[in-house]
Structures are given as structure tokens and as C-alpha cells.
């Protein structure tokens, strides 16, 4: 075999490698895209999905239509099962949150994060505890002192379910302060709005929530924040609200939102969606949306997101085990 033939064979092989590499990076949607949400309309995940839908279409990032569908039920298990009925099909995405991750730990959600394809972490929202302004509880240290002396002396609403991030976001700093969190009286309501109203009305002592949930009540002067699980103070309306760290309690926790795809997605499909979502996160519209709703930028692509979820799973399992809820 002469040198010219060998050269042609090598050149052909190189072209095949480059073509395969290009193809691996060039997947694009070929049909309409669906973003499913494992909760009903109006919640944080639903609002985020619809904002993504609108921004993709306004920026003309793809010619196909994007639809948002709600698949509520089972703490997220119905949505997760639905997503995995489309294995390898990157036209189906879903919003994902720590509530679903915690749901797997307590045995409510059957599908775990490593049985789907994490695509990106979008942002986070730090957790807080608040009381009505007339409450005799002065700050986070005062709250911990009272609950250390008698964990059942105060009632705390955690929204719509035990073991969710509201519950965990309050339990973490209380545990760090030496409170027996398993003994604290946690109260559940049908909606988050009902839980906030109960505290404003003086029927419940404490509310565990996110800043956006109690924004209006803080603006109206009806609620006062005792502590936020953020590394530094949240700007704007909550600038006067102390972090737990400022009060000597080393506790940081956040409610993050992520986007996942079904199991079996290819590297090219993952690359397309993580790059598309990164484009959205870099827009002025996205940044304003986060700022207006007291959300913290925390964008991560697929590999970093998968590692992050593993760490979150371990942390959530630890606190849910202490709460007596892990299966």
C-alpha cells in the first residue's frame, strides 16, 4: 500500500471523527417541546416553566412551539413517572425542586434524580422563618432559646406538607442551635397562603417560608423575619432581616429550581438544552425576573447539576432522618 493510499485512509478517518463530533453537538428539537410541572398552576415551578416558555419564544431560540403542562399529584411522583415514559426523548423536559428530592427520601416519590437526566440548576431562593410583628419573639436567638427550653411551646406552619423545604429550611438552623427538631410542633395547611394567614391572624406562632411567599405581608408590616438561611443579607425589602449566621447559627439552605429530562438522553441532547438554558439565564429579562422575586442566580450545567443534586440528597437525608421521616 503506497503512501498516497495511506494518506487518503487517514484523511477519511479524520473526517469521519470530525463529522461524528459535529453531529454530537448539533442535535436540535424536531417537534414541539413540552415542559411538565409536577404541581398545579400558579406555584413557583409553574411560573418558572411559563417564563422559560415565553422567553424561548420571544428570543426565537427555536422554531418549534413550547408548551407547559401540569402533572400534579403524589408530591411529584406522577410528574416524574410521566417524564420517564419518554426515555431518550429530549422534547420532554420537567421542572425539578428539592421537594421532589426530599419526596424520594421519605418514600413518597418513586423516581430519584439519578434515574432521570439533570440538565441545569436555574436559581435558588433562601429560606426564612417569620412571626407576626406583635410577637414577643425578638429574633432568631430568642426563638432557639425558647424551643431549646420547650420544643413544643410554639407552633410552626411549614406550608402544605411535612418534610418539604419550608420544613427543612426551618429545621436546619433550629438543629444547629441545639433544638430537638423532631419535637417541634409543625402544622400543615392546604395552601401556603392559608399558612401565612394563620400566622398573621395569631393562630400559629411561626411561619417557615421563602421570601416571595411572604413578600406582601412583610411590605404591609404584618410579618417580621427572624432569620434567613442565606450567606449574606438579601437586598431590597429584606435588607433589614438578619441571616442565621449573623446570629451565631451556621446554617445555609436554599430552595432551588432545576430542569431535568427523561432517562437515556444523549450527550448531544444534553448539550443543546444546557446551552439553551444558559442563554436564557444570561438575558436581562431573566436577571430582572430573579431580582424582582428575590431569587439568587445559581446556574449550573448538567455535570455540575448532577454533582450538586448528589450533595443535596445526602444533606436532605440527614435532616429528614433526624426528623424521623426518612425511609
Protein backbone atom coordinates (compact mmCIF):
# COMPACT_ATOMS: atom_id res chain seq x y z
CA UNK A 1 0.00 0.00 0.00
CA UNK A 2 1.63 3.27 -1.12
CA UNK A 3 1.88 6.45 0.92
CA UNK A 4 -0.87 8.22 -1.04
CA UNK A 5 -3.40 5.49 -0.22
CA UNK A 6 -2.40 5.57 3.46
CA UNK A 7 -2.80 9.32 3.48
CA UNK A 8 -6.29 9.08 1.96
CA UNK A 9 -7.34 6.47 4.53
CA UNK A 10 -6.07 8.65 7.39
CA UNK A 11 -7.78 11.71 5.95
CA UNK A 12 -11.07 9.83 5.58
CA UNK A 13 -10.85 8.59 9.17
CA UNK A 14 -10.20 12.11 10.46
CA UNK A 15 -13.16 13.46 8.51
CA UNK A 16 -15.39 10.76 9.99
CA UNK A 17 -14.24 11.66 13.51
CA UNK A 18 -14.87 15.38 12.95
CA UNK A 19 -18.26 14.67 11.39
CA UNK A 20 -19.26 12.48 14.33
CA UNK A 21 -18.08 15.16 16.76
CA UNK A 22 -20.05 17.84 14.93
CA UNK A 23 -23.15 15.65 14.86
CA UNK A 24 -22.82 15.09 18.60
CA UNK A 25 -23.08 18.83 19.14
CA UNK A 26 -25.76 19.59 16.56
CA UNK A 27 -28.94 18.00 17.92
CA UNK A 28 -31.94 20.33 17.78
CA UNK A 29 -35.66 19.84 18.51
CA UNK A 30 -37.57 18.41 15.58
CA UNK A 31 -41.02 18.72 17.13
CA UNK A 32 -42.83 20.80 19.74
CA UNK A 33 -41.29 20.84 23.20
CA UNK A 34 -43.20 20.12 26.41
CA UNK A 35 -42.20 21.32 29.87
CA UNK A 36 -44.11 19.47 32.57
CA UNK A 37 -44.60 20.67 36.14
CA UNK A 38 -45.29 18.25 38.98
CA UNK A 39 -47.53 20.75 40.79
CA UNK A 40 -50.68 22.70 39.96
CA UNK A 41 -50.76 26.08 38.20
CA UNK A 42 -49.56 29.18 40.00
CA UNK A 43 -46.67 27.83 42.08
CA UNK A 44 -43.00 28.72 41.76
CA UNK A 45 -42.16 25.83 39.43
CA UNK A 46 -45.16 26.58 37.23
CA UNK A 47 -44.29 30.28 36.99
CA UNK A 48 -40.70 29.45 36.11
CA UNK A 49 -41.72 26.96 33.41
CA UNK A 50 -44.04 29.52 31.82
CA UNK A 51 -41.34 32.19 31.96
CA UNK A 52 -38.93 29.82 30.19
CA UNK A 53 -41.62 29.11 27.60
CA UNK A 54 -42.23 32.81 26.97
CA UNK A 55 -38.55 33.73 26.84
CA UNK A 56 -37.67 30.94 24.39
CA UNK A 57 -40.40 32.11 22.06
CA UNK A 58 -39.64 35.84 22.45
CA UNK A 59 -35.93 35.24 21.76
CA UNK A 60 -36.82 32.91 18.86
CA UNK A 61 -34.38 30.28 20.10
CA UNK A 62 -36.25 27.56 18.21
CA UNK A 63 -38.95 27.45 15.54
CA UNK A 64 -40.98 24.81 17.39
CA UNK A 65 -43.65 25.69 19.94
CA UNK A 66 -43.10 25.18 23.67
CA UNK A 67 -45.98 24.02 25.86
CA UNK A 68 -46.30 23.83 29.66
CA UNK A 69 -48.42 21.04 31.17
CA UNK A 70 -49.20 20.39 34.83
CA UNK A 71 -48.92 16.86 36.23
CA UNK A 72 -49.69 17.32 39.95
CA UNK A 73 -50.03 14.54 42.48
CA UNK A 74 -48.04 12.31 44.78
CA UNK A 75 -45.63 15.06 45.81
CA UNK A 76 -44.12 14.98 42.31
CA UNK A 77 -44.15 11.23 41.68
CA UNK A 78 -46.82 11.45 38.95
CA UNK A 79 -44.76 14.01 37.06
CA UNK A 80 -41.54 12.00 37.39
CA UNK A 81 -43.17 8.80 36.19
CA UNK A 82 -44.75 10.68 33.29
CA UNK A 83 -41.38 12.11 32.24
CA UNK A 84 -39.78 8.69 32.10
CA UNK A 85 -42.49 7.37 29.79
CA UNK A 86 -40.46 9.26 27.14
CA UNK A 87 -36.99 7.73 27.55
CA UNK A 88 -34.33 9.40 25.42
CA UNK A 89 -36.81 11.92 24.03
CA UNK A 90 -35.36 15.38 24.60
CA UNK A 91 -38.58 17.08 23.52
CA UNK A 92 -39.89 16.40 27.05
CA UNK A 93 -38.50 18.40 29.96
CA UNK A 94 -39.65 18.88 33.54
CA UNK A 95 -39.14 21.33 36.40
CA UNK A 96 -37.45 19.83 39.46
CA UNK A 97 -37.05 21.02 43.05
CA UNK A 98 -35.75 19.83 46.44
CA UNK A 99 -39.32 18.98 47.45
CA UNK A 100 -39.27 16.15 44.89
CA UNK A 101 -35.79 15.09 46.00
CA UNK A 102 -36.98 15.00 49.61
CA UNK A 103 -40.07 13.12 48.47
CA UNK A 104 -37.87 10.24 47.35
CA UNK A 105 -36.11 10.16 50.72
CA UNK A 106 -39.38 9.91 52.65
CA UNK A 107 -40.72 7.25 50.27
CA UNK A 108 -43.34 9.40 48.56
CA UNK A 109 -41.65 9.77 45.14
CA UNK A 110 -40.51 6.55 43.47
CA UNK A 111 -38.10 8.05 40.88
CA UNK A 112 -34.81 9.57 42.06
CA UNK A 113 -32.65 12.26 40.43
CA UNK A 114 -30.17 9.67 39.10
CA UNK A 115 -32.98 7.92 37.21
CA UNK A 116 -33.60 10.97 35.01
CA UNK A 117 -31.22 13.40 33.23
CA UNK A 118 -30.35 16.58 35.18
CA UNK A 119 -29.87 19.40 32.68
CA UNK A 120 -29.39 22.58 34.74
CA UNK A 121 -29.84 24.23 38.11
CA UNK A 122 -31.51 27.59 37.42
CA UNK A 123 -31.57 29.63 40.63
CA UNK A 124 -32.11 29.37 44.37
CA UNK A 125 -34.30 31.02 46.96
CA UNK A 126 -33.20 31.11 50.58
CA UNK A 127 -35.50 30.00 53.37
CA UNK A 128 -36.68 32.05 56.34
CA UNK A 129 -38.80 31.96 59.46
CA UNK A 130 -41.06 34.84 60.43
CA UNK A 131 -43.55 35.85 63.08
CA UNK A 132 -46.26 38.47 63.16
CA UNK A 133 -44.95 41.88 64.14
CA UNK A 134 -46.73 41.79 67.53
CA UNK A 135 -44.95 38.57 68.53
CA UNK A 136 -42.85 38.69 71.73
CA UNK A 137 -40.17 36.62 69.96
CA UNK A 138 -37.45 39.17 69.23
CA UNK A 139 -35.04 37.39 66.87
CA UNK A 140 -33.65 34.01 65.85
CA UNK A 141 -31.63 33.60 69.04
CA UNK A 142 -34.75 34.21 71.11
CA UNK A 143 -36.66 31.64 69.06
CA UNK A 144 -33.98 28.99 69.55
CA UNK A 145 -33.74 29.69 73.29
CA UNK A 146 -37.49 29.18 73.71
CA UNK A 147 -37.57 26.00 71.66
CA UNK A 148 -34.50 24.55 73.39
CA UNK A 149 -36.25 25.04 76.72
CA UNK A 150 -39.51 23.55 75.42
CA UNK A 151 -39.71 22.36 71.78
CA UNK A 152 -43.49 22.11 71.99
CA UNK A 153 -44.04 25.62 73.35
CA UNK A 154 -44.51 27.21 69.91
CA UNK A 155 -46.37 26.13 66.78
CA UNK A 156 -44.80 26.46 63.34
CA UNK A 157 -46.51 26.14 59.96
CA UNK A 158 -44.43 24.64 57.17
CA UNK A 159 -46.94 25.17 54.37
CA UNK A 160 -48.57 22.26 52.59
CA UNK A 161 -46.53 19.25 53.71
CA UNK A 162 -44.18 17.83 56.33
CA UNK A 163 -40.65 17.20 55.10
CA UNK A 164 -40.79 19.86 52.39
CA UNK A 165 -38.18 22.60 52.02
CA UNK A 166 -40.11 25.00 54.23
CA UNK A 167 -39.94 22.40 57.00
CA UNK A 168 -36.28 21.62 56.32
CA UNK A 169 -35.32 25.29 55.94
CA UNK A 170 -36.55 25.92 59.48
CA UNK A 171 -35.31 22.65 60.97
CA UNK A 172 -31.69 23.14 59.84
CA UNK A 173 -30.98 26.34 61.83
CA UNK A 174 -33.02 25.09 64.79
CA UNK A 175 -30.99 21.88 64.84
CA UNK A 176 -27.75 23.88 64.53
CA UNK A 177 -28.91 25.85 67.58
CA UNK A 178 -29.44 22.71 69.64
CA UNK A 179 -33.23 22.34 69.34
CA UNK A 180 -34.77 18.85 69.27
CA UNK A 181 -36.43 19.48 65.91
CA UNK A 182 -38.41 16.24 65.97
CA UNK A 183 -40.40 17.60 68.93
CA UNK A 184 -41.28 20.97 67.36
CA UNK A 185 -44.98 21.26 66.54
CA UNK A 186 -45.24 21.56 62.75
CA UNK A 187 -48.64 22.45 61.27
CA UNK A 188 -49.73 21.81 57.67
CA UNK A 189 -52.35 23.73 55.66
CA UNK A 190 -53.97 23.11 52.28
CA UNK A 191 -52.18 26.09 50.72
CA UNK A 192 -49.19 28.27 51.56
CA UNK A 193 -51.49 31.31 51.59
CA UNK A 194 -53.56 29.73 54.37
CA UNK A 195 -50.45 29.08 56.45
CA UNK A 196 -49.29 32.70 56.16
CA UNK A 197 -52.78 33.97 57.03
CA UNK A 198 -52.83 31.77 60.14
CA UNK A 199 -49.63 33.39 61.44
CA UNK A 200 -50.79 36.92 60.62
CA UNK A 201 -54.03 36.15 62.47
CA UNK A 202 -52.20 34.91 65.57
CA UNK A 203 -53.39 31.29 65.29
CA UNK A 204 -49.88 29.93 64.63
CA UNK A 205 -46.67 31.33 66.14
CA UNK A 206 -44.14 30.91 63.31
CA UNK A 207 -44.17 30.53 59.53
CA UNK A 208 -41.39 28.81 57.59
CA UNK A 209 -41.38 30.11 54.01
CA UNK A 210 -39.45 31.69 51.15
CA UNK A 211 -39.12 35.48 50.69
CA UNK A 212 -41.51 35.63 47.73
CA UNK A 213 -44.18 33.78 49.71
CA UNK A 214 -44.42 36.38 52.47
CA UNK A 215 -43.38 39.43 50.45
CA UNK A 216 -46.74 41.20 50.61
CA UNK A 217 -47.18 40.61 54.34
CA UNK A 218 -43.70 41.99 55.09
CA UNK A 219 -44.42 45.02 52.89
CA UNK A 220 -47.65 45.60 54.82
CA UNK A 221 -45.82 45.40 58.15
CA UNK A 222 -47.70 42.32 59.34
CA UNK A 223 -44.77 39.89 59.48
CA UNK A 224 -41.23 40.19 60.82
CA UNK A 225 -38.39 37.93 59.69
CA UNK A 226 -36.33 36.28 62.45
CA UNK A 227 -33.65 34.66 60.30
CA UNK A 228 -32.74 33.78 56.70
CA UNK A 229 -30.61 30.78 55.66
CA UNK A 230 -28.51 32.90 53.28
CA UNK A 231 -24.73 33.50 53.39
CA UNK A 232 -25.35 37.27 53.43
CA UNK A 233 -28.37 39.54 53.75
CA UNK A 234 -30.94 39.55 50.97
CA UNK A 235 -31.10 43.03 49.38
CA UNK A 236 -34.19 45.17 48.93
CA UNK A 237 -37.16 44.70 51.21
CA UNK A 238 -35.37 42.03 53.26
CA UNK A 239 -32.17 44.02 53.79
CA UNK A 240 -33.10 44.55 57.45
CA UNK A 241 -33.69 40.85 58.03
CA UNK A 242 -30.69 39.12 59.67
CA UNK A 243 -29.15 35.90 58.44
CA UNK A 244 -28.78 32.98 60.82
CA UNK A 245 -25.01 33.29 60.56
CA UNK A 246 -25.18 36.84 61.92
CA UNK A 247 -26.91 35.39 64.96
CA UNK A 248 -24.26 32.78 65.62
CA UNK A 249 -26.08 29.89 63.87
CA UNK A 250 -24.10 28.47 60.94
CA UNK A 251 -26.96 27.41 58.68
CA UNK A 252 -27.34 27.96 54.94
CA UNK A 253 -30.12 26.35 52.90
CA UNK A 254 -31.90 27.18 49.69
CA UNK A 255 -34.89 26.19 47.63
CA UNK A 256 -33.51 25.70 44.14
CA UNK A 257 -35.25 25.07 40.85
CA UNK A 258 -33.82 22.82 38.16
CA UNK A 259 -34.70 21.44 34.74
CA UNK A 260 -34.44 17.71 34.03
CA UNK A 261 -35.05 15.47 31.05
CA UNK A 262 -36.02 11.79 30.84
CA UNK A 263 -33.56 8.97 31.31
CA UNK A 264 -31.45 7.99 28.33
CA UNK A 265 -30.75 11.40 26.79
CA UNK A 266 -27.68 11.57 24.54
CA UNK A 267 -24.72 13.92 25.15
CA UNK A 268 -25.82 15.97 22.12
CA UNK A 269 -29.32 16.43 23.55
CA UNK A 270 -27.93 17.39 26.95
CA UNK A 271 -25.54 19.85 25.31
CA UNK A 272 -28.36 21.54 23.38
CA UNK A 273 -30.54 22.09 26.44
CA UNK A 274 -27.83 23.17 28.84
CA UNK A 275 -26.60 25.72 26.29
CA UNK A 276 -30.14 26.95 25.56
CA UNK A 277 -30.90 27.36 29.25
CA UNK A 278 -27.55 29.11 29.76
CA UNK A 279 -28.55 31.59 27.04
CA UNK A 280 -31.79 32.32 28.88
CA UNK A 281 -30.00 32.77 32.21
CA UNK A 282 -27.72 35.37 30.62
CA UNK A 283 -30.55 37.60 29.37
CA UNK A 284 -31.54 40.87 31.01
CA UNK A 285 -35.13 39.62 31.25
CA UNK A 286 -34.05 36.59 33.27
CA UNK A 287 -31.87 38.66 35.60
CA UNK A 288 -34.73 41.10 36.22
CA UNK A 289 -37.13 38.24 36.94
CA UNK A 290 -34.77 36.93 39.62
CA UNK A 291 -34.20 40.35 41.13
CA UNK A 292 -37.90 41.20 41.27
CA UNK A 293 -38.70 37.95 43.08
CA UNK A 294 -35.72 37.85 45.49
CA UNK A 295 -34.18 34.85 43.73
CA UNK A 296 -30.43 34.15 43.70
CA UNK A 297 -28.62 33.28 40.43
CA UNK A 298 -27.16 29.78 40.71
CA UNK A 299 -26.90 28.46 37.17
CA UNK A 300 -25.15 25.11 36.71
CA UNK A 301 -24.87 22.95 33.62
CA UNK A 302 -25.61 19.23 33.58
CA UNK A 303 -22.43 17.74 35.09
CA UNK A 304 -22.26 20.29 37.91
CA UNK A 305 -26.01 19.99 38.47
CA UNK A 306 -25.77 16.20 38.84
CA UNK A 307 -22.98 16.54 41.41
CA UNK A 308 -24.95 19.24 43.24
CA UNK A 309 -28.04 17.04 43.45
CA UNK A 310 -25.99 14.23 44.96
CA UNK A 311 -24.79 16.55 47.71
CA UNK A 312 -28.29 17.86 48.29
CA UNK A 313 -29.64 14.32 48.57
CA UNK A 314 -27.14 13.50 51.34
CA UNK A 315 -27.89 16.70 53.25
CA UNK A 316 -31.65 16.30 52.99
CA UNK A 317 -31.45 12.65 54.03
CA UNK A 318 -29.54 13.65 57.15
CA UNK A 319 -32.10 16.18 58.37
CA UNK A 320 -35.11 14.06 57.35
CA UNK A 321 -33.64 11.12 59.25
CA UNK A 322 -33.39 13.33 62.32
CA UNK A 323 -37.00 14.41 61.79
CA UNK A 324 -37.93 10.72 61.77
CA UNK A 325 -39.23 10.87 58.20
CA UNK A 326 -36.57 9.14 56.05
CA UNK A 327 -37.49 5.67 54.80
